[in-house]
N, C-alpha and C. Protein backbone atom coordinates (compact mmCIF):
# COMPACT_ATOMS: atom_id res chain seq x y z
N HIS A 1 83.38 -102.64 -60.20
CA HIS A 1 82.53 -101.50 -59.88
C HIS A 1 81.12 -101.79 -60.35
N PRO A 2 80.09 -101.55 -59.51
CA PRO A 2 78.75 -101.96 -59.90
C PRO A 2 78.12 -101.12 -61.01
N TYR A 3 78.62 -99.91 -61.29
CA TYR A 3 78.03 -99.10 -62.35
C TYR A 3 78.78 -99.35 -63.65
N GLU A 4 78.19 -100.17 -64.48
CA GLU A 4 78.77 -100.51 -65.77
C GLU A 4 77.66 -100.55 -66.80
N ARG A 5 78.05 -100.60 -68.02
CA ARG A 5 77.09 -100.80 -69.11
C ARG A 5 77.37 -102.17 -69.69
N PRO A 6 76.62 -103.21 -69.27
CA PRO A 6 76.91 -104.56 -69.72
C PRO A 6 76.47 -104.85 -71.15
N GLY A 7 75.61 -104.03 -71.73
CA GLY A 7 75.09 -104.31 -73.06
C GLY A 7 75.95 -103.73 -74.16
N PRO A 8 75.44 -103.78 -75.38
CA PRO A 8 76.22 -103.36 -76.54
C PRO A 8 76.34 -101.84 -76.70
N ASN A 9 75.52 -101.06 -76.02
CA ASN A 9 75.53 -99.61 -76.19
C ASN A 9 76.48 -98.95 -75.20
N ARG A 10 77.76 -99.10 -75.45
CA ARG A 10 78.76 -98.55 -74.54
C ARG A 10 79.16 -97.13 -74.89
N ARG A 11 78.48 -96.51 -75.83
CA ARG A 11 78.82 -95.16 -76.25
C ARG A 11 77.69 -94.20 -75.91
N PRO A 12 78.03 -92.94 -75.69
CA PRO A 12 76.97 -91.95 -75.46
C PRO A 12 76.10 -91.78 -76.69
N GLN A 13 74.88 -91.33 -76.48
CA GLN A 13 73.97 -91.02 -77.57
C GLN A 13 73.90 -89.50 -77.71
N VAL A 14 73.82 -89.02 -78.94
CA VAL A 14 73.64 -87.61 -79.19
C VAL A 14 72.15 -87.30 -79.16
N LEU A 15 71.77 -86.26 -78.44
CA LEU A 15 70.39 -85.78 -78.43
C LEU A 15 70.38 -84.49 -79.25
N PHE A 16 69.71 -84.53 -80.37
CA PHE A 16 69.70 -83.39 -81.29
C PHE A 16 68.26 -83.13 -81.69
N THR A 17 67.76 -81.96 -81.35
CA THR A 17 66.38 -81.61 -81.68
C THR A 17 66.37 -80.26 -82.38
N LEU A 18 65.99 -80.26 -83.64
CA LEU A 18 65.85 -79.02 -84.38
C LEU A 18 64.67 -78.23 -83.82
N PRO A 19 64.65 -76.91 -84.01
CA PRO A 19 63.45 -76.17 -83.64
C PRO A 19 62.23 -76.81 -84.32
N ASN A 20 61.21 -77.13 -83.53
CA ASN A 20 60.07 -77.87 -84.08
C ASN A 20 58.72 -77.40 -83.56
N ALA A 21 58.69 -76.24 -82.89
CA ALA A 21 57.42 -75.78 -82.34
C ALA A 21 57.34 -74.25 -82.38
N GLN A 22 56.20 -73.75 -82.77
CA GLN A 22 55.94 -72.30 -82.69
C GLN A 22 55.55 -71.92 -81.26
N THR A 23 54.73 -72.79 -80.65
CA THR A 23 54.25 -72.57 -79.29
C THR A 23 54.73 -73.71 -78.43
N TRP A 24 55.35 -73.39 -77.32
CA TRP A 24 55.89 -74.42 -76.44
C TRP A 24 54.82 -74.87 -75.45
N THR A 25 54.81 -76.15 -75.18
CA THR A 25 53.89 -76.70 -74.19
C THR A 25 54.52 -77.92 -73.54
N VAL A 26 54.01 -78.29 -72.39
CA VAL A 26 54.47 -79.50 -71.70
C VAL A 26 53.83 -80.69 -72.41
N PRO A 27 54.64 -81.59 -72.96
CA PRO A 27 54.07 -82.73 -73.69
C PRO A 27 53.56 -83.81 -72.74
N SER A 28 52.81 -84.74 -73.31
CA SER A 28 52.45 -85.95 -72.58
C SER A 28 53.55 -86.97 -72.92
N GLY A 29 53.39 -88.18 -72.52
CA GLY A 29 54.40 -89.20 -72.83
C GLY A 29 55.42 -89.40 -71.73
N TRP A 30 55.10 -88.98 -70.52
CA TRP A 30 56.02 -89.15 -69.38
C TRP A 30 56.31 -90.63 -69.19
N HIS A 31 57.56 -90.95 -68.95
CA HIS A 31 57.96 -92.35 -68.81
C HIS A 31 59.23 -92.47 -67.97
N SER A 32 59.51 -93.66 -67.59
CA SER A 32 60.76 -94.02 -66.93
C SER A 32 61.42 -95.07 -67.81
N ASP A 33 62.73 -95.04 -67.90
CA ASP A 33 63.42 -96.00 -68.76
C ASP A 33 63.65 -97.35 -68.10
N ARG A 34 63.50 -97.42 -66.81
CA ARG A 34 63.72 -98.68 -66.09
C ARG A 34 62.57 -98.95 -65.14
N PRO A 35 62.33 -100.22 -64.84
CA PRO A 35 61.24 -100.58 -63.94
C PRO A 35 61.58 -100.25 -62.49
N ARG A 36 60.55 -100.28 -61.66
CA ARG A 36 60.77 -100.24 -60.22
C ARG A 36 61.17 -101.66 -59.85
N LEU A 37 62.17 -101.79 -59.01
CA LEU A 37 62.66 -103.10 -58.60
C LEU A 37 62.08 -103.47 -57.25
N ALA A 38 61.83 -104.75 -57.06
CA ALA A 38 61.29 -105.23 -55.79
C ALA A 38 62.22 -104.87 -54.63
N SER A 39 63.53 -104.80 -54.90
CA SER A 39 64.50 -104.46 -53.86
C SER A 39 64.44 -102.98 -53.49
N GLY A 40 63.77 -102.15 -54.32
CA GLY A 40 63.71 -100.71 -54.07
C GLY A 40 64.96 -99.95 -54.49
N GLN A 41 65.93 -100.66 -55.05
CA GLN A 41 67.18 -100.03 -55.45
C GLN A 41 67.06 -99.36 -56.82
N SER A 42 67.97 -98.44 -57.08
CA SER A 42 68.04 -97.79 -58.38
C SER A 42 68.91 -98.61 -59.31
N ALA A 43 68.46 -98.78 -60.55
CA ALA A 43 69.24 -99.54 -61.54
C ALA A 43 70.43 -98.74 -62.06
N GLY A 44 70.49 -97.43 -61.76
CA GLY A 44 71.61 -96.62 -62.20
C GLY A 44 71.24 -95.17 -62.40
N VAL A 45 72.11 -94.46 -63.11
CA VAL A 45 71.89 -93.04 -63.38
C VAL A 45 72.10 -92.76 -64.86
N GLN A 46 71.49 -91.69 -65.31
CA GLN A 46 71.67 -91.24 -66.68
C GLN A 46 72.30 -89.86 -66.65
N LEU A 47 73.32 -89.68 -67.47
CA LEU A 47 74.03 -88.42 -67.58
C LEU A 47 73.52 -87.67 -68.80
N PHE A 48 73.29 -86.37 -68.66
CA PHE A 48 72.94 -85.48 -69.76
C PHE A 48 74.00 -84.38 -69.78
N ALA A 49 74.77 -84.27 -70.86
CA ALA A 49 75.83 -83.28 -70.99
C ALA A 49 75.49 -82.32 -72.12
N PHE A 50 75.72 -81.04 -71.90
CA PHE A 50 75.37 -80.02 -72.89
C PHE A 50 76.55 -79.75 -73.82
N LEU A 51 76.27 -79.82 -75.12
CA LEU A 51 77.28 -79.51 -76.14
C LEU A 51 77.15 -78.08 -76.62
N ASP A 52 75.99 -77.48 -76.40
CA ASP A 52 75.71 -76.09 -76.77
C ASP A 52 74.71 -75.57 -75.74
N VAL A 53 74.44 -74.29 -75.78
CA VAL A 53 73.46 -73.70 -74.87
C VAL A 53 72.08 -74.28 -75.16
N VAL A 54 71.40 -74.71 -74.12
CA VAL A 54 70.00 -75.12 -74.21
C VAL A 54 69.25 -74.24 -73.22
N GLU A 55 68.45 -73.34 -73.78
CA GLU A 55 67.69 -72.40 -72.97
C GLU A 55 66.31 -72.97 -72.65
N ALA A 56 65.62 -72.30 -71.76
CA ALA A 56 64.25 -72.69 -71.42
C ALA A 56 63.41 -72.76 -72.69
N ARG A 57 62.61 -73.80 -72.78
CA ARG A 57 61.72 -74.07 -73.92
C ARG A 57 62.49 -74.33 -75.21
N GLY A 58 63.76 -74.77 -75.05
CA GLY A 58 64.61 -75.06 -76.20
C GLY A 58 64.82 -76.53 -76.45
N GLY A 59 63.89 -77.37 -76.02
CA GLY A 59 63.96 -78.80 -76.31
C GLY A 59 64.63 -79.63 -75.25
N GLY A 60 64.98 -79.02 -74.12
CA GLY A 60 65.61 -79.79 -73.04
C GLY A 60 64.66 -80.82 -72.47
N THR A 61 65.22 -81.90 -71.97
CA THR A 61 64.42 -82.94 -71.33
C THR A 61 63.74 -82.37 -70.10
N LEU A 62 62.49 -82.74 -69.89
CA LEU A 62 61.75 -82.39 -68.68
C LEU A 62 61.77 -83.60 -67.75
N ALA A 63 61.92 -83.37 -66.47
CA ALA A 63 61.93 -84.45 -65.49
C ALA A 63 61.07 -84.06 -64.30
N ILE A 64 60.53 -85.05 -63.63
CA ILE A 64 59.76 -84.80 -62.41
C ILE A 64 60.65 -85.16 -61.22
N ALA A 65 61.25 -84.12 -60.65
CA ALA A 65 62.12 -84.31 -59.49
C ALA A 65 61.31 -84.95 -58.37
N GLY A 66 61.87 -85.96 -57.76
CA GLY A 66 61.21 -86.69 -56.67
C GLY A 66 60.46 -87.93 -57.12
N SER A 67 60.19 -88.05 -58.43
CA SER A 67 59.37 -89.17 -58.90
C SER A 67 60.05 -90.52 -58.74
N HIS A 68 61.36 -90.54 -58.54
CA HIS A 68 62.06 -91.81 -58.33
C HIS A 68 61.69 -92.44 -56.98
N HIS A 69 61.03 -91.67 -56.11
CA HIS A 69 60.60 -92.21 -54.82
C HIS A 69 59.20 -92.83 -54.89
N LEU A 70 58.52 -92.67 -56.02
CA LEU A 70 57.16 -93.21 -56.16
C LEU A 70 57.19 -94.66 -56.63
N LEU A 71 56.19 -95.40 -56.25
CA LEU A 71 55.97 -96.78 -56.71
C LEU A 71 57.09 -97.74 -56.27
N ASN A 72 57.84 -97.39 -55.27
CA ASN A 72 58.84 -98.30 -54.70
C ASN A 72 58.16 -99.05 -53.56
N GLU A 73 57.36 -100.04 -53.95
CA GLU A 73 56.47 -100.71 -53.01
C GLU A 73 56.89 -102.13 -52.65
N GLY A 74 58.14 -102.47 -52.93
CA GLY A 74 58.59 -103.83 -52.63
C GLY A 74 58.16 -104.85 -53.66
N ARG A 75 57.78 -104.37 -54.84
CA ARG A 75 57.43 -105.27 -55.94
C ARG A 75 57.93 -104.66 -57.24
N ALA A 76 58.15 -105.51 -58.21
CA ALA A 76 58.59 -105.03 -59.51
C ALA A 76 57.41 -104.42 -60.26
N ILE A 77 57.64 -103.25 -60.86
CA ILE A 77 56.61 -102.59 -61.66
C ILE A 77 57.25 -102.15 -62.96
N ARG A 78 56.70 -102.62 -64.07
CA ARG A 78 57.21 -102.24 -65.39
C ARG A 78 56.88 -100.78 -65.70
N PRO A 79 57.74 -100.11 -66.47
CA PRO A 79 57.45 -98.72 -66.84
C PRO A 79 56.10 -98.55 -67.55
N SER A 80 55.66 -99.55 -68.30
CA SER A 80 54.39 -99.44 -69.01
C SER A 80 53.20 -99.37 -68.06
N GLN A 81 53.39 -99.71 -66.79
CA GLN A 81 52.31 -99.67 -65.81
C GLN A 81 52.24 -98.34 -65.06
N PHE A 82 53.28 -97.49 -65.19
CA PHE A 82 53.35 -96.27 -64.39
C PHE A 82 52.16 -95.35 -64.64
N GLY A 83 51.82 -95.13 -65.90
CA GLY A 83 50.73 -94.22 -66.23
C GLY A 83 49.42 -94.63 -65.57
N ARG A 84 49.10 -95.90 -65.66
CA ARG A 84 47.86 -96.40 -65.06
C ARG A 84 47.85 -96.20 -63.54
N LEU A 85 49.01 -96.40 -62.92
CA LEU A 85 49.09 -96.28 -61.46
C LEU A 85 49.14 -94.83 -60.98
N LEU A 86 49.71 -93.94 -61.79
CA LEU A 86 49.89 -92.55 -61.35
C LEU A 86 48.79 -91.61 -61.83
N ARG A 87 48.14 -91.92 -62.93
CA ARG A 87 47.13 -91.02 -63.51
C ARG A 87 46.06 -90.60 -62.50
N PRO A 88 45.60 -91.47 -61.60
CA PRO A 88 44.57 -91.04 -60.64
C PRO A 88 45.05 -90.02 -59.61
N LYS A 89 46.35 -89.86 -59.44
CA LYS A 89 46.89 -88.91 -58.47
C LYS A 89 46.74 -87.49 -59.02
N PRO A 90 46.28 -86.54 -58.21
CA PRO A 90 46.04 -85.17 -58.70
C PRO A 90 47.24 -84.55 -59.41
N PHE A 91 48.45 -84.76 -58.95
CA PHE A 91 49.63 -84.16 -59.59
C PHE A 91 49.77 -84.63 -61.04
N PHE A 92 49.39 -85.87 -61.31
CA PHE A 92 49.62 -86.47 -62.62
C PHE A 92 48.42 -86.42 -63.55
N ALA A 93 47.25 -86.08 -63.06
CA ALA A 93 46.03 -86.16 -63.87
C ALA A 93 46.15 -85.38 -65.18
N ASP A 94 46.61 -84.13 -65.13
CA ASP A 94 46.74 -83.32 -66.35
C ASP A 94 47.99 -83.68 -67.15
N LEU A 95 49.05 -84.06 -66.47
CA LEU A 95 50.31 -84.36 -67.16
C LEU A 95 50.22 -85.55 -68.08
N MET A 96 49.49 -86.56 -67.67
CA MET A 96 49.47 -87.83 -68.39
C MET A 96 48.45 -87.87 -69.52
N VAL A 97 47.73 -86.79 -69.74
CA VAL A 97 46.71 -86.74 -70.79
C VAL A 97 47.27 -85.98 -71.99
N ALA A 98 47.15 -86.58 -73.15
CA ALA A 98 47.58 -85.91 -74.39
C ALA A 98 46.43 -85.01 -74.84
N ASP A 99 46.57 -83.72 -74.58
CA ASP A 99 45.53 -82.75 -74.92
C ASP A 99 46.15 -81.66 -75.79
N THR A 100 45.86 -81.68 -77.06
CA THR A 100 46.48 -80.73 -77.99
C THR A 100 45.49 -79.69 -78.49
N ALA A 101 44.32 -79.61 -77.89
CA ALA A 101 43.35 -78.60 -78.30
C ALA A 101 43.95 -77.21 -78.10
N ALA A 102 43.68 -76.30 -79.00
CA ALA A 102 44.28 -74.96 -78.97
C ALA A 102 44.05 -74.26 -77.64
N ASP A 103 42.89 -74.40 -77.03
CA ASP A 103 42.61 -73.69 -75.79
C ASP A 103 43.37 -74.28 -74.60
N SER A 104 43.90 -75.46 -74.73
CA SER A 104 44.61 -76.08 -73.61
C SER A 104 46.13 -75.93 -73.71
N LEU A 105 46.65 -75.37 -74.81
CA LEU A 105 48.11 -75.25 -74.95
C LEU A 105 48.72 -74.38 -73.87
N GLN A 106 48.11 -73.26 -73.55
CA GLN A 106 48.66 -72.40 -72.48
C GLN A 106 48.54 -73.11 -71.14
N ARG A 107 47.41 -73.78 -70.91
CA ARG A 107 47.25 -74.51 -69.65
C ARG A 107 48.33 -75.57 -69.51
N ARG A 108 48.65 -76.26 -70.61
CA ARG A 108 49.71 -77.28 -70.56
C ARG A 108 51.07 -76.62 -70.36
N ALA A 109 51.31 -75.47 -70.99
CA ALA A 109 52.58 -74.77 -70.78
C ALA A 109 52.73 -74.36 -69.32
N ASP A 110 51.64 -73.99 -68.69
CA ASP A 110 51.66 -73.60 -67.28
C ASP A 110 52.01 -74.76 -66.35
N LEU A 111 51.88 -75.99 -66.85
CA LEU A 111 52.22 -77.16 -66.03
C LEU A 111 53.69 -77.18 -65.64
N LEU A 112 54.54 -76.48 -66.41
CA LEU A 112 55.98 -76.45 -66.08
C LEU A 112 56.20 -75.87 -64.69
N GLN A 113 55.28 -75.06 -64.22
CA GLN A 113 55.40 -74.46 -62.88
C GLN A 113 54.84 -75.38 -61.80
N ARG A 114 54.38 -76.56 -62.20
CA ARG A 114 53.68 -77.46 -61.29
C ARG A 114 54.61 -78.01 -60.22
N THR A 115 54.17 -77.91 -58.99
CA THR A 115 54.79 -78.59 -57.85
C THR A 115 53.64 -79.27 -57.11
N GLY A 116 53.97 -80.23 -56.32
CA GLY A 116 52.93 -80.92 -55.57
C GLY A 116 53.52 -82.09 -54.83
N ALA A 117 52.64 -82.97 -54.44
CA ALA A 117 53.07 -84.13 -53.67
C ALA A 117 52.14 -85.29 -53.94
N VAL A 118 52.68 -86.47 -53.83
CA VAL A 118 51.91 -87.70 -53.79
C VAL A 118 52.32 -88.35 -52.48
N GLY A 119 51.38 -88.42 -51.54
CA GLY A 119 51.74 -88.87 -50.20
C GLY A 119 52.73 -87.88 -49.61
N ASN A 120 53.83 -88.39 -49.10
CA ASN A 120 54.85 -87.50 -48.53
C ASN A 120 56.00 -87.23 -49.50
N VAL A 121 55.84 -87.57 -50.78
CA VAL A 121 56.87 -87.35 -51.79
C VAL A 121 56.61 -86.01 -52.48
N GLN A 122 57.53 -85.06 -52.31
CA GLN A 122 57.44 -83.76 -52.97
C GLN A 122 57.87 -83.91 -54.43
N LEU A 123 57.11 -83.29 -55.34
CA LEU A 123 57.37 -83.41 -56.77
C LEU A 123 57.45 -82.03 -57.41
N GLN A 124 58.33 -81.91 -58.40
CA GLN A 124 58.43 -80.66 -59.15
C GLN A 124 58.92 -80.97 -60.55
N ILE A 125 58.30 -80.34 -61.53
CA ILE A 125 58.75 -80.48 -62.91
C ILE A 125 59.94 -79.56 -63.12
N VAL A 126 61.03 -80.11 -63.65
CA VAL A 126 62.22 -79.31 -63.95
C VAL A 126 62.57 -79.49 -65.42
N GLU A 127 63.12 -78.44 -66.00
CA GLU A 127 63.55 -78.45 -67.39
C GLU A 127 65.07 -78.42 -67.42
N MET A 128 65.66 -79.39 -68.10
CA MET A 128 67.12 -79.46 -68.16
C MET A 128 67.63 -78.42 -69.16
N THR A 129 68.20 -77.37 -68.60
CA THR A 129 68.81 -76.31 -69.40
C THR A 129 70.26 -76.19 -68.95
N GLY A 130 71.09 -75.60 -69.82
CA GLY A 130 72.49 -75.44 -69.43
C GLY A 130 73.34 -74.93 -70.57
N ALA A 131 74.63 -74.88 -70.30
CA ALA A 131 75.63 -74.39 -71.24
C ALA A 131 76.65 -75.49 -71.47
N PRO A 132 77.48 -75.35 -72.52
CA PRO A 132 78.48 -76.38 -72.80
C PRO A 132 79.31 -76.72 -71.55
N GLY A 133 79.40 -78.00 -71.28
CA GLY A 133 80.14 -78.48 -70.11
C GLY A 133 79.26 -78.76 -68.91
N ASP A 134 78.04 -78.20 -68.87
CA ASP A 134 77.13 -78.50 -67.77
C ASP A 134 76.64 -79.94 -67.89
N VAL A 135 76.36 -80.55 -66.75
CA VAL A 135 75.91 -81.95 -66.71
C VAL A 135 74.78 -82.08 -65.71
N TRP A 136 73.78 -82.84 -66.07
CA TRP A 136 72.72 -83.26 -65.16
C TRP A 136 72.86 -84.76 -64.98
N LEU A 137 72.64 -85.25 -63.76
CA LEU A 137 72.57 -86.68 -63.48
C LEU A 137 71.16 -86.98 -63.00
N MET A 138 70.58 -88.06 -63.54
CA MET A 138 69.20 -88.40 -63.23
C MET A 138 69.11 -89.88 -62.89
N ASP A 139 68.48 -90.19 -61.79
CA ASP A 139 68.18 -91.57 -61.42
C ASP A 139 67.34 -92.18 -62.54
N LEU A 140 67.63 -93.42 -62.92
CA LEU A 140 66.89 -94.06 -64.02
C LEU A 140 65.42 -94.30 -63.71
N ARG A 141 65.00 -94.09 -62.47
CA ARG A 141 63.60 -94.25 -62.11
C ARG A 141 62.79 -92.96 -62.29
N VAL A 142 63.46 -91.85 -62.55
CA VAL A 142 62.78 -90.56 -62.67
C VAL A 142 61.89 -90.53 -63.92
N LEU A 143 60.68 -90.05 -63.76
CA LEU A 143 59.78 -89.86 -64.91
C LEU A 143 60.25 -88.63 -65.69
N HIS A 144 60.32 -88.77 -67.00
CA HIS A 144 60.83 -87.69 -67.84
C HIS A 144 60.18 -87.76 -69.22
N VAL A 145 60.42 -86.71 -70.02
CA VAL A 145 59.85 -86.64 -71.35
C VAL A 145 60.67 -85.65 -72.17
N GLY A 146 60.79 -85.91 -73.45
CA GLY A 146 61.40 -84.94 -74.34
C GLY A 146 60.42 -83.80 -74.56
N SER A 147 60.93 -82.59 -74.70
CA SER A 147 60.03 -81.45 -74.87
C SER A 147 60.22 -80.81 -76.23
N PRO A 148 59.21 -80.05 -76.68
CA PRO A 148 59.34 -79.35 -77.96
C PRO A 148 60.46 -78.31 -77.91
N ASN A 149 60.99 -78.01 -79.05
CA ASN A 149 62.02 -76.98 -79.15
C ASN A 149 61.42 -75.75 -79.84
N ALA A 150 61.09 -74.74 -79.04
CA ALA A 150 60.52 -73.50 -79.56
C ALA A 150 61.59 -72.41 -79.64
N ALA A 151 62.86 -72.80 -79.53
CA ALA A 151 63.96 -71.84 -79.61
C ALA A 151 64.42 -71.68 -81.06
N ASP A 152 65.38 -70.81 -81.26
CA ASP A 152 65.93 -70.56 -82.59
C ASP A 152 67.12 -71.45 -82.93
N ARG A 153 67.55 -72.27 -82.00
CA ARG A 153 68.73 -73.12 -82.22
C ARG A 153 68.40 -74.56 -81.87
N PRO A 154 69.13 -75.51 -82.45
CA PRO A 154 68.91 -76.92 -82.11
C PRO A 154 69.35 -77.22 -80.68
N ARG A 155 68.74 -78.23 -80.10
CA ARG A 155 69.22 -78.74 -78.82
C ARG A 155 70.31 -79.74 -79.16
N MET A 156 71.48 -79.58 -78.53
CA MET A 156 72.58 -80.52 -78.74
C MET A 156 73.13 -80.94 -77.38
N MET A 157 72.90 -82.22 -77.09
CA MET A 157 73.35 -82.80 -75.83
C MET A 157 73.85 -84.21 -76.08
N LEU A 158 74.54 -84.75 -75.09
CA LEU A 158 74.91 -86.16 -75.06
C LEU A 158 74.22 -86.78 -73.86
N THR A 159 73.89 -88.06 -73.99
CA THR A 159 73.36 -88.78 -72.84
C THR A 159 74.02 -90.15 -72.78
N PHE A 160 74.14 -90.65 -71.56
CA PHE A 160 74.74 -91.96 -71.35
C PHE A 160 74.16 -92.54 -70.06
N ARG A 161 73.82 -93.81 -70.09
CA ARG A 161 73.27 -94.49 -68.91
C ARG A 161 74.37 -95.32 -68.25
N TYR A 162 74.50 -95.11 -66.97
CA TYR A 162 75.39 -95.93 -66.16
C TYR A 162 74.49 -96.86 -65.36
N GLU A 163 74.48 -98.12 -65.76
CA GLU A 163 73.58 -99.08 -65.13
C GLU A 163 74.36 -100.00 -64.19
N ARG A 164 73.72 -100.38 -63.11
CA ARG A 164 74.34 -101.27 -62.14
C ARG A 164 74.30 -102.69 -62.67
N SER A 165 75.45 -103.21 -63.02
CA SER A 165 75.50 -104.57 -63.56
C SER A 165 75.08 -105.60 -62.53
N ASP A 166 75.27 -105.32 -61.24
CA ASP A 166 74.87 -106.27 -60.21
C ASP A 166 73.34 -106.38 -60.10
N LEU A 167 72.61 -105.41 -60.64
CA LEU A 167 71.15 -105.45 -60.60
C LEU A 167 70.52 -105.86 -61.92
N LEU A 168 71.34 -106.14 -62.94
CA LEU A 168 70.81 -106.50 -64.24
C LEU A 168 69.86 -107.72 -64.19
N PRO A 169 70.17 -108.76 -63.43
CA PRO A 169 69.21 -109.88 -63.35
C PRO A 169 67.85 -109.45 -62.78
N GLU A 170 67.85 -108.55 -61.80
CA GLU A 170 66.59 -108.08 -61.22
C GLU A 170 65.84 -107.19 -62.22
N VAL A 171 66.56 -106.35 -62.97
CA VAL A 171 65.95 -105.52 -64.01
C VAL A 171 65.32 -106.42 -65.07
N ALA A 172 66.07 -107.43 -65.51
CA ALA A 172 65.56 -108.36 -66.52
C ALA A 172 64.30 -109.07 -66.04
N SER A 173 64.30 -109.49 -64.80
CA SER A 173 63.13 -110.15 -64.24
C SER A 173 61.93 -109.20 -64.18
N ALA A 174 62.17 -107.95 -63.77
CA ALA A 174 61.09 -106.96 -63.69
C ALA A 174 60.49 -106.68 -65.07
N PHE A 175 61.32 -106.69 -66.10
CA PHE A 175 60.82 -106.50 -67.47
C PHE A 175 60.18 -107.76 -68.02
N GLY A 176 60.43 -108.92 -67.40
CA GLY A 176 59.90 -110.18 -67.90
C GLY A 176 60.76 -110.78 -69.00
N TRP A 177 62.03 -110.36 -69.06
CA TRP A 177 62.92 -110.91 -70.07
C TRP A 177 63.28 -112.35 -69.70
N ARG A 178 63.46 -113.16 -70.72
CA ARG A 178 63.88 -114.54 -70.49
C ARG A 178 65.34 -114.56 -70.05
N ARG A 179 65.71 -115.58 -69.36
CA ARG A 179 67.09 -115.73 -68.87
C ARG A 179 68.10 -115.69 -70.01
N ALA A 180 67.75 -116.22 -71.16
CA ALA A 180 68.67 -116.24 -72.30
C ALA A 180 69.03 -114.84 -72.77
N ALA A 181 68.21 -113.83 -72.44
CA ALA A 181 68.47 -112.46 -72.87
C ALA A 181 69.46 -111.75 -71.97
N ILE A 182 69.81 -112.37 -70.83
CA ILE A 182 70.74 -111.75 -69.89
C ILE A 182 72.16 -112.16 -70.28
N PRO A 183 73.06 -111.18 -70.46
CA PRO A 183 74.45 -111.53 -70.81
C PRO A 183 75.07 -112.45 -69.76
N ASN A 184 75.94 -113.36 -70.21
CA ASN A 184 76.60 -114.29 -69.30
C ASN A 184 77.32 -113.57 -68.17
N SER A 185 77.95 -112.42 -68.45
CA SER A 185 78.68 -111.71 -67.40
C SER A 185 77.75 -111.28 -66.28
N ALA A 186 76.51 -110.91 -66.61
CA ALA A 186 75.55 -110.50 -65.60
C ALA A 186 74.97 -111.71 -64.87
N ARG A 187 74.81 -112.86 -65.56
CA ARG A 187 74.29 -114.06 -64.91
C ARG A 187 75.23 -114.51 -63.79
N ASN A 188 76.52 -114.35 -64.01
CA ASN A 188 77.49 -114.78 -63.00
C ASN A 188 77.43 -113.93 -61.75
N LEU A 189 76.82 -112.74 -61.83
CA LEU A 189 76.71 -111.88 -60.66
C LEU A 189 75.56 -112.28 -59.76
N ALA A 190 74.61 -113.02 -60.31
CA ALA A 190 73.42 -113.38 -59.53
C ALA A 190 73.72 -114.43 -58.49
């Protein structure tokens, strides 16, 4: 099956965020965990499972729905390059700037309502909220960010990445990893 975790992290990670904000705002630091691949394929999906109720503005991960369709240009692009390439686009101009001035906190909080488009790609910021047993699945190319927890309870979730082992050599190449860093099991797939 192509969706496997070939590396050492075969266990889910716990996402635990104590209440840490008096005023909630949309943070900067948007990123993708995997590069864009020259093949245009997705390297996999990430699962987010709720262990307790996570309400709006309670520390849930924020994601930009539709962003996995951006920058799929037939070339490999590292995640570290996304900001430089997307910042000039009107949808991303305010999101990608770290602005913590008191007068801009409400303006940044209002960004959660942001919808728009880059070219013909429709984009919307969504906040992962839910109850125990709820699950979100996210393409590993989606831009996302952890958000402040302005709620009265901790955020408690699990996350796990299901990566396509057949694409691991292409992911490694896009990151610029040396061949020696690719597990033997993945090298045999190439």
